[in-house]
N, C-alpha and C. Protein backbone atom coordinates (compact mmCIF):
# COMPACT_ATOMS: atom_id res chain seq x y z
N MET A 1 -68.18 -58.51 96.41
CA MET A 1 -67.75 -59.85 96.04
C MET A 1 -67.04 -60.46 97.23
N THR A 2 -67.56 -61.55 97.73
CA THR A 2 -66.93 -62.20 98.87
C THR A 2 -66.53 -63.61 98.50
N ASP A 3 -65.57 -64.12 99.20
CA ASP A 3 -65.08 -65.47 99.05
C ASP A 3 -65.93 -66.35 99.97
N ASP A 4 -66.21 -67.58 99.53
CA ASP A 4 -67.02 -68.49 100.35
C ASP A 4 -66.34 -68.83 101.67
N ASN A 5 -65.02 -68.67 101.75
CA ASN A 5 -64.30 -68.98 102.98
C ASN A 5 -64.24 -67.80 103.94
N GLN A 6 -64.83 -66.69 103.57
CA GLN A 6 -64.80 -65.52 104.43
C GLN A 6 -66.03 -65.50 105.33
N ARG A 7 -65.83 -64.88 106.51
CA ARG A 7 -66.97 -64.66 107.39
C ARG A 7 -67.21 -63.15 107.45
N PRO A 8 -68.43 -62.75 107.72
CA PRO A 8 -68.68 -61.31 107.83
C PRO A 8 -67.93 -60.71 109.02
N ALA A 9 -67.34 -59.57 108.83
CA ALA A 9 -66.65 -58.86 109.91
C ALA A 9 -67.69 -58.33 110.89
N THR A 10 -67.32 -58.29 112.15
CA THR A 10 -68.20 -57.69 113.15
C THR A 10 -68.14 -56.17 113.02
N VAL A 11 -69.10 -55.50 113.61
CA VAL A 11 -69.10 -54.04 113.59
C VAL A 11 -67.83 -53.50 114.23
N GLU A 12 -67.39 -54.12 115.32
CA GLU A 12 -66.16 -53.66 115.99
C GLU A 12 -64.93 -53.87 115.12
N GLU A 13 -64.88 -54.99 114.40
CA GLU A 13 -63.77 -55.21 113.48
C GLU A 13 -63.77 -54.17 112.37
N LEU A 14 -64.95 -53.87 111.84
CA LEU A 14 -65.06 -52.86 110.79
C LEU A 14 -64.60 -51.50 111.29
N LYS A 15 -65.01 -51.14 112.49
CA LYS A 15 -64.59 -49.85 113.06
C LYS A 15 -63.07 -49.80 113.22
N SER A 16 -62.48 -50.92 113.60
CA SER A 16 -61.03 -50.95 113.79
C SER A 16 -60.29 -50.74 112.48
N LEU A 17 -60.89 -51.16 111.37
CA LEU A 17 -60.23 -51.05 110.07
C LEU A 17 -60.56 -49.76 109.31
N ALA A 18 -61.33 -48.90 109.92
CA ALA A 18 -61.81 -47.70 109.22
C ALA A 18 -60.85 -46.51 109.35
N HIS A 19 -59.55 -46.80 109.48
CA HIS A 19 -58.57 -45.72 109.59
C HIS A 19 -57.36 -46.07 108.73
N PRO A 20 -56.89 -45.14 107.88
CA PRO A 20 -55.78 -45.46 106.99
C PRO A 20 -54.48 -45.82 107.70
N VAL A 21 -54.21 -45.24 108.86
CA VAL A 21 -52.98 -45.58 109.59
C VAL A 21 -52.99 -47.06 109.97
N ARG A 22 -54.13 -47.59 110.29
CA ARG A 22 -54.20 -49.01 110.68
C ARG A 22 -53.89 -49.92 109.50
N TRP A 23 -54.33 -49.55 108.31
CA TRP A 23 -54.00 -50.33 107.12
C TRP A 23 -52.50 -50.25 106.84
N ARG A 24 -51.90 -49.09 107.07
CA ARG A 24 -50.45 -48.94 106.88
C ARG A 24 -49.70 -49.81 107.89
N ILE A 25 -50.17 -49.85 109.13
CA ILE A 25 -49.53 -50.69 110.15
C ILE A 25 -49.62 -52.16 109.75
N LEU A 26 -50.79 -52.58 109.29
CA LEU A 26 -50.95 -53.98 108.87
C LEU A 26 -49.99 -54.31 107.73
N ARG A 27 -49.84 -53.40 106.78
CA ARG A 27 -48.94 -53.63 105.65
C ARG A 27 -47.49 -53.73 106.14
N LEU A 28 -47.10 -52.82 107.03
CA LEU A 28 -45.73 -52.82 107.53
C LEU A 28 -45.41 -54.06 108.36
N CYS A 29 -46.41 -54.62 109.02
CA CYS A 29 -46.20 -55.79 109.89
C CYS A 29 -46.52 -57.10 109.18
N LEU A 30 -46.77 -57.05 107.90
CA LEU A 30 -47.14 -58.25 107.16
C LEU A 30 -45.96 -59.20 106.99
N GLU A 31 -44.82 -58.67 106.57
CA GLU A 31 -43.68 -59.51 106.28
C GLU A 31 -42.64 -59.52 107.40
N HIS A 32 -42.64 -58.47 108.21
CA HIS A 32 -41.66 -58.35 109.30
C HIS A 32 -42.37 -57.88 110.57
N ALA A 33 -42.05 -58.52 111.68
CA ALA A 33 -42.58 -58.05 112.96
C ALA A 33 -41.90 -56.72 113.28
N ARG A 34 -42.70 -55.74 113.71
CA ARG A 34 -42.16 -54.42 114.02
C ARG A 34 -42.67 -53.95 115.37
N THR A 35 -41.82 -53.19 116.05
CA THR A 35 -42.20 -52.64 117.35
C THR A 35 -42.97 -51.35 117.15
N ASN A 36 -43.61 -50.90 118.22
CA ASN A 36 -44.34 -49.64 118.18
C ASN A 36 -43.40 -48.50 117.77
N LYS A 37 -42.20 -48.49 118.30
CA LYS A 37 -41.21 -47.44 117.97
C LYS A 37 -40.84 -47.49 116.49
N GLU A 38 -40.60 -48.68 115.97
CA GLU A 38 -40.27 -48.82 114.54
C GLU A 38 -41.42 -48.33 113.68
N LEU A 39 -42.65 -48.67 114.07
CA LEU A 39 -43.82 -48.21 113.32
C LEU A 39 -43.94 -46.69 113.37
N ALA A 40 -43.79 -46.13 114.56
CA ALA A 40 -43.90 -44.68 114.73
C ALA A 40 -42.84 -43.97 113.88
N ASP A 41 -41.62 -44.47 113.89
CA ASP A 41 -40.55 -43.86 113.09
C ASP A 41 -40.88 -43.91 111.61
N HIS A 42 -41.34 -45.07 111.14
CA HIS A 42 -41.66 -45.21 109.72
C HIS A 42 -42.83 -44.33 109.30
N LEU A 43 -43.83 -44.26 110.16
CA LEU A 43 -45.04 -43.51 109.83
C LEU A 43 -44.91 -42.01 110.12
N GLY A 44 -43.88 -41.63 110.85
CA GLY A 44 -43.71 -40.22 111.20
C GLY A 44 -44.77 -39.73 112.17
N LEU A 45 -45.18 -40.62 113.07
CA LEU A 45 -46.21 -40.29 114.05
C LEU A 45 -45.65 -40.47 115.46
N ALA A 46 -46.30 -39.87 116.42
CA ALA A 46 -45.90 -40.03 117.82
C ALA A 46 -46.14 -41.48 118.24
N PRO A 47 -45.23 -42.05 119.03
CA PRO A 47 -45.42 -43.43 119.50
C PRO A 47 -46.75 -43.64 120.22
N ALA A 48 -47.23 -42.66 120.97
CA ALA A 48 -48.51 -42.81 121.67
C ALA A 48 -49.67 -42.93 120.68
N THR A 49 -49.60 -42.18 119.59
CA THR A 49 -50.65 -42.26 118.55
C THR A 49 -50.63 -43.63 117.90
N VAL A 50 -49.45 -44.11 117.56
CA VAL A 50 -49.33 -45.42 116.92
C VAL A 50 -49.79 -46.51 117.88
N LEU A 51 -49.43 -46.39 119.15
CA LEU A 51 -49.84 -47.39 120.14
C LEU A 51 -51.36 -47.51 120.23
N ARG A 52 -52.05 -46.39 120.15
CA ARG A 52 -53.53 -46.44 120.17
C ARG A 52 -54.04 -47.27 119.00
N HIS A 53 -53.45 -47.08 117.81
CA HIS A 53 -53.87 -47.87 116.63
C HIS A 53 -53.47 -49.33 116.78
N VAL A 54 -52.27 -49.59 117.29
CA VAL A 54 -51.79 -50.96 117.50
C VAL A 54 -52.71 -51.69 118.47
N ARG A 55 -53.10 -51.03 119.54
CA ARG A 55 -53.98 -51.67 120.53
C ARG A 55 -55.33 -52.05 119.94
N SER A 56 -55.87 -51.20 119.08
CA SER A 56 -57.14 -51.54 118.42
C SER A 56 -56.97 -52.76 117.52
N LEU A 57 -55.89 -52.78 116.75
CA LEU A 57 -55.64 -53.92 115.86
C LEU A 57 -55.38 -55.20 116.65
N LEU A 58 -54.69 -55.09 117.77
CA LEU A 58 -54.46 -56.25 118.64
C LEU A 58 -55.77 -56.77 119.23
N ALA A 59 -56.58 -55.85 119.71
CA ALA A 59 -57.84 -56.23 120.37
C ALA A 59 -58.78 -56.98 119.44
N HIS A 60 -58.67 -56.73 118.15
CA HIS A 60 -59.59 -57.37 117.21
C HIS A 60 -58.92 -58.47 116.38
N GLY A 61 -57.70 -58.84 116.76
CA GLY A 61 -57.04 -59.98 116.13
C GLY A 61 -56.34 -59.70 114.82
N PHE A 62 -56.18 -58.43 114.44
CA PHE A 62 -55.51 -58.11 113.18
C PHE A 62 -53.99 -58.11 113.34
N LEU A 63 -53.51 -57.89 114.55
CA LEU A 63 -52.09 -57.97 114.88
C LEU A 63 -51.93 -58.98 116.01
N ALA A 64 -50.77 -59.62 116.04
CA ALA A 64 -50.42 -60.51 117.15
C ALA A 64 -49.07 -60.07 117.70
N ALA A 65 -48.98 -60.04 119.02
CA ALA A 65 -47.72 -59.69 119.67
C ALA A 65 -46.81 -60.90 119.64
N GLU A 66 -45.56 -60.68 119.29
CA GLU A 66 -44.57 -61.75 119.30
C GLU A 66 -43.77 -61.68 120.60
N THR A 67 -42.88 -62.61 120.79
CA THR A 67 -42.05 -62.66 121.99
C THR A 67 -41.23 -61.38 122.12
N PRO A 68 -41.25 -60.77 123.30
CA PRO A 68 -40.43 -59.56 123.48
C PRO A 68 -38.96 -59.86 123.22
N ARG A 69 -38.28 -58.82 122.74
CA ARG A 69 -36.85 -58.96 122.44
C ARG A 69 -36.10 -57.78 123.06
N THR A 70 -34.82 -57.92 123.20
CA THR A 70 -34.00 -56.86 123.74
C THR A 70 -33.57 -55.93 122.61
N GLY A 71 -33.85 -54.65 122.77
CA GLY A 71 -33.50 -53.66 121.75
C GLY A 71 -32.04 -53.26 121.83
N ARG A 72 -31.64 -52.34 120.94
CA ARG A 72 -30.24 -51.91 120.87
C ARG A 72 -29.76 -51.26 122.17
N ARG A 73 -30.67 -50.63 122.88
CA ARG A 73 -30.27 -49.96 124.13
C ARG A 73 -30.55 -50.80 125.37
N GLY A 74 -30.88 -52.05 125.17
CA GLY A 74 -31.08 -52.95 126.30
C GLY A 74 -32.51 -53.02 126.82
N ALA A 75 -33.39 -52.18 126.31
CA ALA A 75 -34.80 -52.21 126.76
C ALA A 75 -35.55 -53.34 126.05
N LEU A 76 -36.58 -53.86 126.73
CA LEU A 76 -37.42 -54.88 126.10
C LEU A 76 -38.35 -54.21 125.10
N GLU A 77 -38.44 -54.82 123.93
CA GLU A 77 -39.33 -54.34 122.87
C GLU A 77 -40.30 -55.46 122.52
N ARG A 78 -41.52 -55.08 122.20
CA ARG A 78 -42.51 -56.07 121.77
C ARG A 78 -42.82 -55.85 120.29
N PRO A 79 -42.42 -56.81 119.45
CA PRO A 79 -42.75 -56.70 118.03
C PRO A 79 -44.16 -57.24 117.75
N TYR A 80 -44.75 -56.73 116.69
CA TYR A 80 -46.10 -57.14 116.28
C TYR A 80 -46.06 -57.60 114.83
N ARG A 81 -46.90 -58.59 114.53
CA ARG A 81 -46.99 -59.11 113.17
C ARG A 81 -48.46 -59.18 112.77
N ALA A 82 -48.73 -58.86 111.52
CA ALA A 82 -50.09 -58.94 110.99
C ALA A 82 -50.52 -60.40 110.91
N THR A 83 -51.78 -60.66 111.23
CA THR A 83 -52.30 -62.03 111.26
C THR A 83 -52.97 -62.45 109.95
N ARG A 84 -53.14 -61.51 109.03
CA ARG A 84 -53.84 -61.75 107.76
C ARG A 84 -55.33 -62.03 107.97
N LEU A 85 -55.87 -61.62 109.11
CA LEU A 85 -57.30 -61.81 109.37
C LEU A 85 -58.16 -61.10 108.33
N THR A 86 -57.70 -59.97 107.82
CA THR A 86 -58.51 -59.24 106.84
C THR A 86 -58.79 -60.09 105.61
N MET A 87 -57.91 -61.04 105.31
CA MET A 87 -58.12 -61.92 104.15
C MET A 87 -59.26 -62.92 104.40
N ARG A 88 -59.56 -63.15 105.66
CA ARG A 88 -60.60 -64.14 106.00
C ARG A 88 -61.93 -63.50 106.35
N LEU A 89 -62.02 -62.19 106.15
CA LEU A 89 -63.24 -61.46 106.49
C LEU A 89 -63.86 -60.83 105.26
N SER A 90 -65.17 -60.77 105.26
CA SER A 90 -65.87 -59.93 104.30
C SER A 90 -66.03 -58.57 104.96
N LEU A 91 -65.50 -57.54 104.32
CA LEU A 91 -65.55 -56.20 104.90
C LEU A 91 -66.72 -55.39 104.38
N GLU A 92 -67.64 -56.05 103.70
CA GLU A 92 -68.85 -55.40 103.22
C GLU A 92 -69.95 -55.60 104.25
N SER A 93 -70.58 -54.51 104.64
CA SER A 93 -71.64 -54.60 105.64
C SER A 93 -72.87 -53.86 105.15
N PRO A 94 -73.84 -54.59 104.58
CA PRO A 94 -75.07 -53.93 104.11
C PRO A 94 -75.81 -53.22 105.25
N GLU A 95 -75.65 -53.72 106.50
CA GLU A 95 -76.31 -53.09 107.64
C GLU A 95 -75.62 -51.79 108.05
N HIS A 96 -74.34 -51.66 107.69
CA HIS A 96 -73.55 -50.48 108.07
C HIS A 96 -72.78 -49.95 106.86
N PRO A 97 -73.50 -49.43 105.86
CA PRO A 97 -72.80 -48.98 104.64
C PRO A 97 -71.79 -47.87 104.91
N GLU A 98 -72.00 -47.09 105.96
CA GLU A 98 -71.04 -46.02 106.27
C GLU A 98 -69.69 -46.61 106.69
N LEU A 99 -69.70 -47.74 107.39
CA LEU A 99 -68.44 -48.39 107.77
C LEU A 99 -67.75 -48.99 106.55
N THR A 100 -68.52 -49.60 105.66
CA THR A 100 -67.96 -50.14 104.43
C THR A 100 -67.28 -49.02 103.64
N ARG A 101 -67.94 -47.88 103.54
CA ARG A 101 -67.37 -46.74 102.82
C ARG A 101 -66.13 -46.21 103.53
N ASP A 102 -66.16 -46.12 104.86
CA ASP A 102 -64.99 -45.66 105.60
C ASP A 102 -63.78 -46.57 105.37
N ILE A 103 -64.01 -47.88 105.31
CA ILE A 103 -62.92 -48.82 105.06
C ILE A 103 -62.39 -48.65 103.64
N GLU A 104 -63.28 -48.49 102.68
CA GLU A 104 -62.84 -48.27 101.30
C GLU A 104 -61.97 -47.02 101.21
N LEU A 105 -62.40 -45.95 101.86
CA LEU A 105 -61.62 -44.70 101.83
C LEU A 105 -60.30 -44.85 102.59
N ALA A 106 -60.30 -45.61 103.67
CA ALA A 106 -59.06 -45.83 104.43
C ALA A 106 -58.05 -46.62 103.61
N THR A 107 -58.49 -47.66 102.91
CA THR A 107 -57.57 -48.45 102.10
C THR A 107 -57.06 -47.61 100.92
N LEU A 108 -57.91 -46.79 100.35
CA LEU A 108 -57.50 -45.91 99.26
C LEU A 108 -56.45 -44.91 99.75
N SER A 109 -56.65 -44.34 100.91
CA SER A 109 -55.70 -43.40 101.49
C SER A 109 -54.37 -44.07 101.80
N ALA A 110 -54.42 -45.27 102.35
CA ALA A 110 -53.19 -46.00 102.66
C ALA A 110 -52.42 -46.33 101.38
N HIS A 111 -53.14 -46.74 100.35
CA HIS A 111 -52.49 -47.05 99.07
C HIS A 111 -51.87 -45.79 98.46
N ARG A 112 -52.56 -44.69 98.55
CA ARG A 112 -52.04 -43.42 98.04
C ARG A 112 -50.71 -43.07 98.73
N THR A 113 -50.66 -43.27 100.03
CA THR A 113 -49.43 -42.99 100.78
C THR A 113 -48.30 -43.92 100.32
N GLU A 114 -48.63 -45.19 100.06
CA GLU A 114 -47.60 -46.11 99.55
C GLU A 114 -47.08 -45.63 98.19
N LEU A 115 -47.96 -45.11 97.35
CA LEU A 115 -47.53 -44.55 96.06
C LEU A 115 -46.57 -43.38 96.28
N LEU A 116 -46.93 -42.51 97.20
CA LEU A 116 -46.09 -41.34 97.47
C LEU A 116 -44.73 -41.74 98.05
N GLU A 117 -44.68 -42.83 98.79
CA GLU A 117 -43.44 -43.28 99.41
C GLU A 117 -42.62 -44.21 98.51
N ALA A 118 -43.15 -44.56 97.36
CA ALA A 118 -42.44 -45.49 96.48
C ALA A 118 -41.10 -44.90 96.06
N PRO A 119 -40.05 -45.73 96.05
CA PRO A 119 -38.74 -45.23 95.64
C PRO A 119 -38.75 -44.85 94.16
N PRO A 120 -37.79 -44.02 93.74
CA PRO A 120 -37.76 -43.56 92.35
C PRO A 120 -37.68 -44.69 91.32
N ASP A 121 -37.09 -45.83 91.69
CA ASP A 121 -36.96 -46.93 90.74
C ASP A 121 -38.15 -47.90 90.76
N ALA A 122 -39.18 -47.58 91.54
CA ALA A 122 -40.38 -48.44 91.57
C ALA A 122 -41.15 -48.29 90.27
N THR A 123 -41.75 -49.37 89.85
CA THR A 123 -42.62 -49.33 88.68
C THR A 123 -44.03 -49.07 89.18
N VAL A 124 -44.61 -47.99 88.74
CA VAL A 124 -45.97 -47.63 89.15
C VAL A 124 -46.81 -47.51 87.89
N SER A 125 -47.93 -48.16 87.91
CA SER A 125 -48.83 -48.12 86.76
C SER A 125 -50.26 -47.99 87.28
N THR A 126 -50.93 -46.99 86.83
CA THR A 126 -52.32 -46.77 87.25
C THR A 126 -53.20 -46.73 86.01
N HIS A 127 -54.25 -47.47 86.06
CA HIS A 127 -55.21 -47.49 84.96
C HIS A 127 -56.58 -47.21 85.53
N ARG A 128 -57.28 -46.37 84.89
CA ARG A 128 -58.65 -46.05 85.32
C ARG A 128 -59.52 -46.08 84.10
N SER A 129 -60.63 -46.74 84.19
CA SER A 129 -61.53 -46.80 83.05
C SER A 129 -62.96 -46.97 83.54
N GLN A 130 -63.84 -46.92 82.61
CA GLN A 130 -65.26 -47.12 82.93
C GLN A 130 -65.84 -48.07 81.91
N LEU A 131 -66.62 -48.99 82.38
CA LEU A 131 -67.31 -49.94 81.51
C LEU A 131 -68.81 -49.76 81.67
N ARG A 132 -69.53 -50.04 80.64
CA ARG A 132 -70.99 -50.06 80.72
C ARG A 132 -71.41 -51.49 80.38
N LEU A 133 -71.81 -52.22 81.40
CA LEU A 133 -72.12 -53.63 81.24
C LEU A 133 -73.52 -53.93 81.75
N SER A 134 -74.09 -54.99 81.21
CA SER A 134 -75.36 -55.47 81.74
C SER A 134 -75.10 -56.02 83.14
N ALA A 135 -76.15 -56.22 83.89
CA ALA A 135 -76.01 -56.76 85.25
C ALA A 135 -75.31 -58.12 85.21
N ARG A 136 -75.67 -58.96 84.24
CA ARG A 136 -75.07 -60.28 84.11
C ARG A 136 -73.58 -60.18 83.77
N ASP A 137 -73.24 -59.33 82.80
CA ASP A 137 -71.83 -59.17 82.42
C ASP A 137 -71.02 -58.53 83.54
N SER A 138 -71.61 -57.61 84.26
CA SER A 138 -70.94 -56.98 85.39
C SER A 138 -70.60 -58.02 86.45
N GLU A 139 -71.55 -58.87 86.77
CA GLU A 139 -71.33 -59.93 87.76
C GLU A 139 -70.25 -60.89 87.28
N GLU A 140 -70.29 -61.26 85.99
CA GLU A 140 -69.26 -62.14 85.44
C GLU A 140 -67.87 -61.49 85.53
N PHE A 141 -67.78 -60.22 85.16
CA PHE A 141 -66.50 -59.51 85.20
C PHE A 141 -65.94 -59.50 86.62
N LEU A 142 -66.75 -59.13 87.59
CA LEU A 142 -66.29 -59.06 88.97
C LEU A 142 -65.90 -60.44 89.51
N THR A 143 -66.67 -61.45 89.16
CA THR A 143 -66.36 -62.81 89.59
C THR A 143 -65.04 -63.27 89.01
N ARG A 144 -64.82 -63.03 87.72
CA ARG A 144 -63.57 -63.45 87.08
C ARG A 144 -62.36 -62.70 87.64
N MET A 145 -62.51 -61.41 87.91
CA MET A 145 -61.42 -60.65 88.51
C MET A 145 -61.08 -61.21 89.89
N HIS A 146 -62.11 -61.53 90.67
CA HIS A 146 -61.90 -62.10 92.00
C HIS A 146 -61.20 -63.46 91.89
N GLU A 147 -61.63 -64.29 90.96
CA GLU A 147 -61.01 -65.60 90.77
C GLU A 147 -59.55 -65.47 90.35
N LEU A 148 -59.25 -64.50 89.48
CA LEU A 148 -57.88 -64.27 89.05
C LEU A 148 -57.02 -63.85 90.23
N TRP A 149 -57.54 -62.96 91.06
CA TRP A 149 -56.80 -62.54 92.25
C TRP A 149 -56.54 -63.73 93.17
N LEU A 150 -57.56 -64.56 93.41
CA LEU A 150 -57.38 -65.73 94.26
C LEU A 150 -56.33 -66.69 93.69
N GLU A 151 -56.35 -66.88 92.38
CA GLU A 151 -55.37 -67.77 91.74
C GLU A 151 -53.95 -67.30 92.01
N PHE A 152 -53.69 -66.02 91.81
CA PHE A 152 -52.34 -65.51 92.01
C PHE A 152 -52.00 -65.39 93.50
N HIS A 153 -52.98 -65.19 94.33
CA HIS A 153 -52.73 -65.16 95.77
C HIS A 153 -52.19 -66.50 96.23
N GLU A 154 -52.70 -67.58 95.67
CA GLU A 154 -52.24 -68.93 96.02
C GLU A 154 -50.83 -69.20 95.51
N ARG A 155 -50.38 -68.46 94.51
CA ARG A 155 -49.07 -68.70 93.90
C ARG A 155 -47.98 -67.77 94.45
N GLN A 156 -48.22 -67.13 95.57
CA GLN A 156 -47.23 -66.21 96.11
C GLN A 156 -45.89 -66.89 96.35
N ASP A 157 -44.83 -66.13 96.08
CA ASP A 157 -43.47 -66.61 96.24
C ASP A 157 -42.77 -65.71 97.26
N PRO A 158 -42.39 -66.26 98.42
CA PRO A 158 -41.73 -65.44 99.44
C PRO A 158 -40.48 -64.71 98.92
N ALA A 159 -39.83 -65.27 97.91
CA ALA A 159 -38.64 -64.64 97.34
C ALA A 159 -38.98 -63.65 96.23
N GLY A 160 -40.25 -63.58 95.87
CA GLY A 160 -40.65 -62.70 94.77
C GLY A 160 -40.70 -61.24 95.19
N GLY A 161 -40.81 -60.39 94.20
CA GLY A 161 -40.93 -58.96 94.46
C GLY A 161 -42.32 -58.61 94.97
N ARG A 162 -42.38 -57.54 95.78
CA ARG A 162 -43.65 -57.12 96.35
C ARG A 162 -44.45 -56.35 95.30
N LEU A 163 -45.69 -56.71 95.15
CA LEU A 163 -46.60 -56.08 94.21
C LEU A 163 -47.79 -55.57 95.01
N SER A 164 -47.94 -54.27 95.08
CA SER A 164 -49.05 -53.68 95.82
C SER A 164 -50.16 -53.37 94.82
N ILE A 165 -51.33 -53.92 95.06
CA ILE A 165 -52.44 -53.76 94.13
C ILE A 165 -53.64 -53.21 94.88
N LEU A 166 -54.28 -52.24 94.28
CA LEU A 166 -55.55 -51.74 94.80
C LEU A 166 -56.59 -52.01 93.74
N TRP A 167 -57.57 -52.81 94.10
CA TRP A 167 -58.66 -53.12 93.18
C TRP A 167 -59.91 -52.51 93.78
N SER A 168 -60.51 -51.63 93.06
CA SER A 168 -61.72 -50.98 93.55
C SER A 168 -62.70 -50.86 92.41
N HIS A 169 -63.94 -51.07 92.71
CA HIS A 169 -64.96 -50.83 91.68
C HIS A 169 -66.12 -50.09 92.32
N VAL A 170 -66.73 -49.26 91.53
CA VAL A 170 -67.90 -48.51 91.95
C VAL A 170 -68.99 -48.78 90.93
N SER A 171 -70.08 -49.35 91.35
CA SER A 171 -71.21 -49.61 90.46
C SER A 171 -72.23 -48.50 90.67
N ILE A 172 -72.46 -47.73 89.64
CA ILE A 172 -73.37 -46.59 89.72
C ILE A 172 -74.65 -46.94 88.99
N PRO A 173 -75.77 -46.96 89.70
CA PRO A 173 -77.04 -47.29 89.03
C PRO A 173 -77.46 -46.17 88.07
N GLU A 174 -78.12 -46.56 87.00
CA GLU A 174 -78.64 -45.57 86.05
C GLU A 174 -79.74 -44.76 86.70
N ARG A 175 -79.77 -43.50 86.41
CA ARG A 175 -80.80 -42.61 86.95
C ARG A 175 -81.64 -42.06 85.83
């Protein structure tokens, strides 16, 4: 399901998004600009490893470097902020289904890590179900879910609480 305002992602953009650490970096840099060191500390990874991921995200426009700032020890630090480019891309690639699957698995892995890191007072609710629908009803269901998501995306409140949602569907053909 794609939005009419989205453009297809390039193969290079898809490859850049096919790693769960990159999705975690994008999430961490969404609301606050963060330096490579801050990201490495939060993720529990070596700064060189994080820098490799940051460079890939920068090269494909998913992160933007902000004005360098002076850190606590007087060194110059470069913070990065997510550009929200993923919202303007269709990440489905019929020509490269393996990349589409890699991205799905990366986002699932990143979301799982967010669940594991949730504080004890976080409200976590997971629902899993299966529906058996006709092709027409399936298309209607997916379209309405997408429209509902778009409606609430437009109503975001910067002062509101953060709500992390993973929406995934798997359509299995009858055999």
